[in-house]
Amino acid sequence: MAHIIVDDNEILEKAIKRFKRLVEKEGIIREYKKREYYEKPSTILNRKKKAFARKLVKKTRKGRSDY
């Protein structure tokens, strides 16, 4: 859970900016968007397989350019 301590002499906008940075760093918004709608297990598996295939293609393409 993300929380920050705001000093008495700190500007509120600066504290909000720190909070947003902390939330982004912890991946809270990304996790929320991922869980916003139900996704079937088969859909999750297909998405992961496609991502892995893209990663392999990118890796092989990168390896060939080294020669």
PDB file of N, CA and C in Angstrom:
ATOM      1  N   MET A   1       0.843  -1.178   0.000  1.00  0.00           N
ATOM      2  CA  MET A   1       0.000   0.000   0.000  1.00  0.00           C
ATOM      3  C   MET A   1       0.885   1.236   0.000  1.00  0.00           C
ATOM      4  N   ALA A   2       0.598   2.148  -0.894  1.00  0.00           N
ATOM      5  CA  ALA A   2       1.402   3.351  -1.053  1.00  0.00           C
ATOM      6  C   ALA A   2       0.893   4.448  -0.118  1.00  0.00           C
ATOM      7  N   HIS A   3       1.808   5.038   0.602  1.00  0.00           N
ATOM      8  CA  HIS A   3       1.459   6.201   1.413  1.00  0.00           C
ATOM      9  C   HIS A   3       2.708   7.065   1.561  1.00  0.00           C
ATOM     10  N   ILE A   4       2.487   8.352   1.731  1.00  0.00           N
ATOM     11  CA  ILE A   4       3.590   9.279   1.941  1.00  0.00           C
ATOM     12  C   ILE A   4       3.284  10.124   3.161  1.00  0.00           C
ATOM     13  N   ILE A   5       4.310  10.669   3.745  1.00  0.00           N
ATOM     14  CA  ILE A   5       4.160  11.566   4.887  1.00  0.00           C
ATOM     15  C   ILE A   5       4.408  12.988   4.394  1.00  0.00           C
ATOM     16  N   VAL A   6       3.426  13.848   4.606  1.00  0.00           N
ATOM     17  CA  VAL A   6       3.507  15.228   4.144  1.00  0.00           C
ATOM     18  C   VAL A   6       3.942  16.102   5.310  1.00  0.00           C
ATOM     19  N   ASP A   7       5.017  16.854   5.093  1.00  0.00           N
ATOM     20  CA  ASP A   7       5.485  17.787   6.110  1.00  0.00           C
ATOM     21  C   ASP A   7       4.575  19.010   6.148  1.00  0.00           C
ATOM     22  N   ASP A   8       4.621  19.733   7.272  1.00  0.00           N
ATOM     23  CA  ASP A   8       3.783  20.931   7.411  1.00  0.00           C
ATOM     24  C   ASP A   8       4.178  22.026   6.423  1.00  0.00           C
ATOM     25  N   ASN A   9       5.460  22.130   6.120  1.00  0.00           N
ATOM     26  CA  ASN A   9       5.906  23.214   5.244  1.00  0.00           C
ATOM     27  C   ASN A   9       6.050  22.767   3.784  1.00  0.00           C
ATOM     28  N   GLU A  10       5.588  21.552   3.449  1.00  0.00           N
ATOM     29  CA  GLU A  10       5.700  21.053   2.082  1.00  0.00           C
ATOM     30  C   GLU A  10       4.505  21.489   1.246  1.00  0.00           C
ATOM     31  N   ILE A  11       4.782  21.824  -0.004  1.00  0.00           N
ATOM     32  CA  ILE A  11       3.724  22.230  -0.919  1.00  0.00           C
ATOM     33  C   ILE A  11       2.897  20.993  -1.287  1.00  0.00           C
ATOM     34  N   LEU A  12       1.575  21.159  -1.322  1.00  0.00           N
ATOM     35  CA  LEU A  12       0.674  20.044  -1.577  1.00  0.00           C
ATOM     36  C   LEU A  12       0.891  19.432  -2.958  1.00  0.00           C
ATOM     37  N   GLU A  13       1.122  20.274  -3.965  1.00  0.00           N
ATOM     38  CA  GLU A  13       1.338  19.773  -5.321  1.00  0.00           C
ATOM     39  C   GLU A  13       2.572  18.873  -5.387  1.00  0.00           C
ATOM     40  N   LYS A  14       3.596  19.229  -4.635  1.00  0.00           N
ATOM     41  CA  LYS A  14       4.817  18.430  -4.606  1.00  0.00           C
ATOM     42  C   LYS A  14       4.554  17.065  -3.951  1.00  0.00           C
ATOM     43  N   ALA A  15       3.748  17.063  -2.901  1.00  0.00           N
ATOM     44  CA  ALA A  15       3.400  15.815  -2.231  1.00  0.00           C
ATOM     45  C   ALA A  15       2.563  14.913  -3.144  1.00  0.00           C
ATOM     46  N   ILE A  16       1.651  15.511  -3.889  1.00  0.00           N
ATOM     47  CA  ILE A  16       0.840  14.737  -4.831  1.00  0.00           C
ATOM     48  C   ILE A  16       1.718  14.138  -5.915  1.00  0.00           C
ATOM     49  N   LYS A  17       2.688  14.894  -6.396  1.00  0.00           N
ATOM     50  CA  LYS A  17       3.606  14.408  -7.417  1.00  0.00           C
ATOM     51  C   LYS A  17       4.426  13.228  -6.883  1.00  0.00           C
ATOM     52  N   ARG A  18       4.869  13.321  -5.618  1.00  0.00           N
ATOM     53  CA  ARG A  18       5.614  12.211  -5.008  1.00  0.00           C
ATOM     54  C   ARG A  18       4.740  10.968  -4.891  1.00  0.00           C
ATOM     55  N   PHE A  19       3.465  11.178  -4.504  1.00  0.00           N
ATOM     56  CA  PHE A  19       2.541  10.067  -4.376  1.00  0.00           C
ATOM     57  C   PHE A  19       2.303   9.387  -5.719  1.00  0.00           C
ATOM     58  N   LYS A  20       2.088  10.171  -6.765  1.00  0.00           N
ATOM     59  CA  LYS A  20       1.872   9.612  -8.097  1.00  0.00           C
ATOM     60  C   LYS A  20       3.080   8.803  -8.552  1.00  0.00           C
ATOM     61  N   ARG A  21       4.274   9.314  -8.296  1.00  0.00           N
ATOM     62  CA  ARG A  21       5.501   8.619  -8.658  1.00  0.00           C
ATOM     63  C   ARG A  21       5.608   7.282  -7.920  1.00  0.00           C
ATOM     64  N   LEU A  22       5.258   7.289  -6.629  1.00  0.00           N
ATOM     65  CA  LEU A  22       5.304   6.078  -5.825  1.00  0.00           C
ATOM     66  C   LEU A  22       4.297   5.034  -6.317  1.00  0.00           C
ATOM     67  N   VAL A  23       3.089   5.479  -6.638  1.00  0.00           N
ATOM     68  CA  VAL A  23       2.049   4.583  -7.147  1.00  0.00           C
ATOM     69  C   VAL A  23       2.489   3.982  -8.479  1.00  0.00           C
ATOM     70  N   GLU A  24       3.074   4.780  -9.346  1.00  0.00           N
ATOM     71  CA  GLU A  24       3.554   4.292 -10.639  1.00  0.00           C
ATOM     72  C   GLU A  24       4.681   3.288 -10.451  1.00  0.00           C
ATOM     73  N   LYS A  25       5.567   3.567  -9.526  1.00  0.00           N
ATOM     74  CA  LYS A  25       6.704   2.685  -9.274  1.00  0.00           C
ATOM     75  C   LYS A  25       6.248   1.326  -8.740  1.00  0.00           C
ATOM     76  N   GLU A  26       5.243   1.319  -7.881  1.00  0.00           N
ATOM     77  CA  GLU A  26       4.743   0.071  -7.306  1.00  0.00           C
ATOM     78  C   GLU A  26       3.826  -0.679  -8.266  1.00  0.00           C
ATOM     79  N   GLY A  27       3.403  -0.039  -9.359  1.00  0.00           N
ATOM     80  CA  GLY A  27       2.582  -0.705 -10.368  1.00  0.00           C
ATOM     81  C   GLY A  27       1.139  -0.886  -9.963  1.00  0.00           C
ATOM     82  N   ILE A  28       0.639  -0.049  -9.100  1.00  0.00           N
ATOM     83  CA  ILE A  28      -0.731  -0.181  -8.600  1.00  0.00           C
ATOM     84  C   ILE A  28      -1.753   0.074  -9.710  1.00  0.00           C
ATOM     85  N   ILE A  29      -1.539   1.107 -10.504  1.00  0.00           N
ATOM     86  CA  ILE A  29      -2.490   1.442 -11.565  1.00  0.00           C
ATOM     87  C   ILE A  29      -2.489   0.357 -12.639  1.00  0.00           C
ATOM     88  N   ARG A  30      -1.302  -0.150 -12.987  1.00  0.00           N
ATOM     89  CA  ARG A  30      -1.193  -1.224 -13.981  1.00  0.00           C
ATOM     90  C   ARG A  30      -1.952  -2.465 -13.501  1.00  0.00           C
ATOM     91  N   GLU A  31      -1.789  -2.781 -12.229  1.00  0.00           N
ATOM     92  CA  GLU A  31      -2.474  -3.936 -11.650  1.00  0.00           C
ATOM     93  C   GLU A  31      -3.989  -3.733 -11.649  1.00  0.00           C
ATOM     94  N   TYR A  32      -4.427  -2.514 -11.342  1.00  0.00           N
ATOM     95  CA  TYR A  32      -5.861  -2.213 -11.349  1.00  0.00           C
ATOM     96  C   TYR A  32      -6.452  -2.392 -12.745  1.00  0.00           C
ATOM     97  N   LYS A  33      -5.766  -1.856 -13.754  1.00  0.00           N
ATOM     98  CA  LYS A  33      -6.267  -1.962 -15.119  1.00  0.00           C
ATOM     99  C   LYS A  33      -6.298  -3.412 -15.582  1.00  0.00           C
ATOM    100  N   LYS A  34      -5.329  -4.202 -15.123  1.00  0.00           N
ATOM    101  CA  LYS A  34      -5.302  -5.602 -15.502  1.00  0.00           C
ATOM    102  C   LYS A  34      -6.473  -6.356 -14.881  1.00  0.00           C
ATOM    103  N   ARG A  35      -6.877  -6.005 -13.682  1.00  0.00           N
ATOM    104  CA  ARG A  35      -7.949  -6.699 -12.963  1.00  0.00           C
ATOM    105  C   ARG A  35      -9.311  -6.032 -13.111  1.00  0.00           C
ATOM    106  N   GLU A  36      -9.397  -4.994 -13.919  1.00  0.00           N
ATOM    107  CA  GLU A  36     -10.643  -4.255 -14.054  1.00  0.00           C
ATOM    108  C   GLU A  36     -11.766  -5.144 -14.607  1.00  0.00           C
ATOM    109  N   TYR A  37     -11.428  -5.996 -15.554  1.00  0.00           N
ATOM    110  CA  TYR A  37     -12.411  -6.897 -16.146  1.00  0.00           C
ATOM    111  C   TYR A  37     -11.923  -8.333 -15.997  1.00  0.00           C
ATOM    112  N   TYR A  38     -12.865  -9.252 -15.928  1.00  0.00           N
ATOM    113  CA  TYR A  38     -12.506 -10.662 -15.823  1.00  0.00           C
ATOM    114  C   TYR A  38     -11.934 -11.134 -17.149  1.00  0.00           C
ATOM    115  N   GLU A  39     -10.865 -11.899 -17.053  1.00  0.00           N
ATOM    116  CA  GLU A  39     -10.244 -12.462 -18.241  1.00  0.00           C
ATOM    117  C   GLU A  39     -10.168 -13.975 -18.065  1.00  0.00           C
ATOM    118  N   LYS A  40     -10.671 -14.699 -19.038  1.00  0.00           N
ATOM    119  CA  LYS A  40     -10.686 -16.154 -18.933  1.00  0.00           C
ATOM    120  C   LYS A  40      -9.257 -16.688 -18.880  1.00  0.00           C
ATOM    121  N   PRO A  41      -9.056 -17.797 -18.174  1.00  0.00           N
ATOM    122  CA  PRO A  41      -7.718 -18.382 -18.097  1.00  0.00           C
ATOM    123  C   PRO A  41      -7.133 -18.718 -19.470  1.00  0.00           C
ATOM    124  N   SER A  42      -7.967 -19.160 -20.399  1.00  0.00           N
ATOM    125  CA  SER A  42      -7.469 -19.473 -21.740  1.00  0.00           C
ATOM    126  C   SER A  42      -6.986 -18.203 -22.452  1.00  0.00           C
ATOM    127  N   THR A  43      -7.667 -17.096 -22.233  1.00  0.00           N
ATOM    128  CA  THR A  43      -7.261 -15.827 -22.832  1.00  0.00           C
ATOM    129  C   THR A  43      -5.924 -15.370 -22.258  1.00  0.00           C
ATOM    130  N   ILE A  44      -5.759 -15.541 -20.959  1.00  0.00           N
ATOM    131  CA  ILE A  44      -4.495 -15.171 -20.316  1.00  0.00           C
ATOM    132  C   ILE A  44      -3.363 -16.003 -20.891  1.00  0.00           C
ATOM    133  N   LEU A  45      -3.602 -17.306 -21.050  1.00  0.00           N
ATOM    134  CA  LEU A  45      -2.584 -18.206 -21.591  1.00  0.00           C
ATOM    135  C   LEU A  45      -2.217 -17.823 -23.023  1.00  0.00           C
ATOM    136  N   ASN A  46      -3.226 -17.525 -23.844  1.00  0.00           N
ATOM    137  CA  ASN A  46      -2.967 -17.116 -25.228  1.00  0.00           C
ATOM    138  C   ASN A  46      -2.162 -15.820 -25.279  1.00  0.00           C
ATOM    139  N   ARG A  47      -2.502 -14.865 -24.424  1.00  0.00           N
ATOM    140  CA  ARG A  47      -1.789 -13.585 -24.394  1.00  0.00           C
ATOM    141  C   ARG A  47      -0.322 -13.799 -24.011  1.00  0.00           C
ATOM    142  N   LYS A  48      -0.089 -14.660 -23.025  1.00  0.00           N
ATOM    143  CA  LYS A  48       1.277 -14.928 -22.591  1.00  0.00           C
ATOM    144  C   LYS A  48       2.073 -15.651 -23.676  1.00  0.00           C
ATOM    145  N   LYS A  49       1.430 -16.592 -24.383  1.00  0.00           N
ATOM    146  CA  LYS A  49       2.108 -17.300 -25.466  1.00  0.00           C
ATOM    147  C   LYS A  49       2.495 -16.348 -26.591  1.00  0.00           C
ATOM    148  N   LYS A  50       1.583 -15.450 -26.949  1.00  0.00           N
ATOM    149  CA  LYS A  50       1.874 -14.484 -28.008  1.00  0.00           C
ATOM    150  C   LYS A  50       3.002 -13.542 -27.598  1.00  0.00           C
ATOM    151  N   ALA A  51       3.002 -13.116 -26.345  1.00  0.00           N
ATOM    152  CA  ALA A  51       4.070 -12.237 -25.858  1.00  0.00           C
ATOM    153  C   ALA A  51       5.411 -12.963 -25.894  1.00  0.00           C
ATOM    154  N   PHE A  52       5.417 -14.233 -25.525  1.00  0.00           N
ATOM    155  CA  PHE A  52       6.651 -15.012 -25.556  1.00  0.00           C
ATOM    156  C   PHE A  52       7.146 -15.188 -26.988  1.00  0.00           C
ATOM    157  N   ALA A  53       6.216 -15.438 -27.918  1.00  0.00           N
ATOM    158  CA  ALA A  53       6.593 -15.589 -29.325  1.00  0.00           C
ATOM    159  C   ALA A  53       7.187 -14.293 -29.868  1.00  0.00           C
ATOM    160  N   ARG A  54       6.581 -13.150 -29.528  1.00  0.00           N
ATOM    161  CA  ARG A  54       7.127 -11.860 -29.962  1.00  0.00           C
ATOM    162  C   ARG A  54       8.527 -11.644 -29.406  1.00  0.00           C
ATOM    163  N   LYS A  55       8.710 -12.041 -28.151  1.00  0.00           N
ATOM    164  CA  LYS A  55      10.008 -11.893 -27.509  1.00  0.00           C
ATOM    165  C   LYS A  55      11.070 -12.746 -28.214  1.00  0.00           C
ATOM    166  N   LEU A  56      10.694 -13.978 -28.590  1.00  0.00           N
ATOM    167  CA  LEU A  56      11.626 -14.853 -29.300  1.00  0.00           C
ATOM    168  C   LEU A  56      11.988 -14.290 -30.668  1.00  0.00           C
ATOM    169  N   VAL A  57      10.991 -13.794 -31.380  1.00  0.00           N
ATOM    170  CA  VAL A  57      11.242 -13.213 -32.706  1.00  0.00           C
ATOM    171  C   VAL A  57      12.178 -12.024 -32.581  1.00  0.00           C
ATOM    172  N   LYS A  58      11.929 -11.200 -31.601  1.00  0.00           N
ATOM    173  CA  LYS A  58      12.772 -10.022 -31.392  1.00  0.00           C
ATOM    174  C   LYS A  58      14.197 -10.430 -31.042  1.00  0.00           C
ATOM    175  N   LYS A  59      14.318 -11.454 -30.218  1.00  0.00           N
ATOM    176  CA  LYS A  59      15.637 -11.923 -29.802  1.00  0.00           C
ATOM    177  C   LYS A  59      16.406 -12.515 -30.988  1.00  0.00           C
ATOM    178  N   THR A  60      15.724 -13.311 -31.826  1.00  0.00           N
ATOM    179  CA  THR A  60      16.403 -13.901 -32.978  1.00  0.00           C
ATOM    180  C   THR A  60      16.765 -12.829 -34.007  1.00  0.00           C
ATOM    181  N   ARG A  61      15.913 -11.855 -34.182  1.00  0.00           N
ATOM    182  CA  ARG A  61      16.201 -10.767 -35.112  1.00  0.00           C
ATOM    183  C   ARG A  61      17.399  -9.967 -34.639  1.00  0.00           C
ATOM    184  N   LYS A  62      17.458  -9.756 -33.337  1.00  0.00           N
ATOM    185  CA  LYS A  62      18.575  -9.013 -32.749  1.00  0.00           C
ATOM    186  C   LYS A  62      19.875  -9.801 -32.885  1.00  0.00           C
ATOM    187  N   GLY A  63      19.811 -11.120 -32.726  1.00  0.00           N
ATOM    188  CA  GLY A  63      20.985 -11.976 -32.827  1.00  0.00           C
ATOM    189  C   GLY A  63      21.553 -12.030 -34.235  1.00  0.00           C
ATOM    190  N   ARG A  64      20.711 -11.971 -35.244  1.00  0.00           N
ATOM    191  CA  ARG A  64      21.168 -12.023 -36.630  1.00  0.00           C
ATOM    192  C   ARG A  64      21.878 -10.757 -37.056  1.00  0.00           C
ATOM    193  N   SER A  65      21.491  -9.626 -36.513  1.00  0.00           N
ATOM    194  CA  SER A  65      22.109  -8.365 -36.913  1.00  0.00           C
ATOM    195  C   SER A  65      23.524  -8.218 -36.386  1.00  0.00           C
ATOM    196  N   ASP A  66      23.935  -9.056 -35.440  1.00  0.00           N
ATOM    197  CA  ASP A  66      25.272  -8.974 -34.876  1.00  0.00           C
ATOM    198  C   ASP A  66      26.333  -9.505 -35.829  1.00  0.00           C
ATOM    199  N   TYR A  67      25.949 -10.325 -36.821  1.00  0.00           N
ATOM    200  CA  TYR A  67      26.921 -10.964 -37.706  1.00  0.00           C
ATOM    201  C   TYR A  67      27.459 -10.033 -38.721  1.00  0.00           C
TER     202      TYR A  67
END
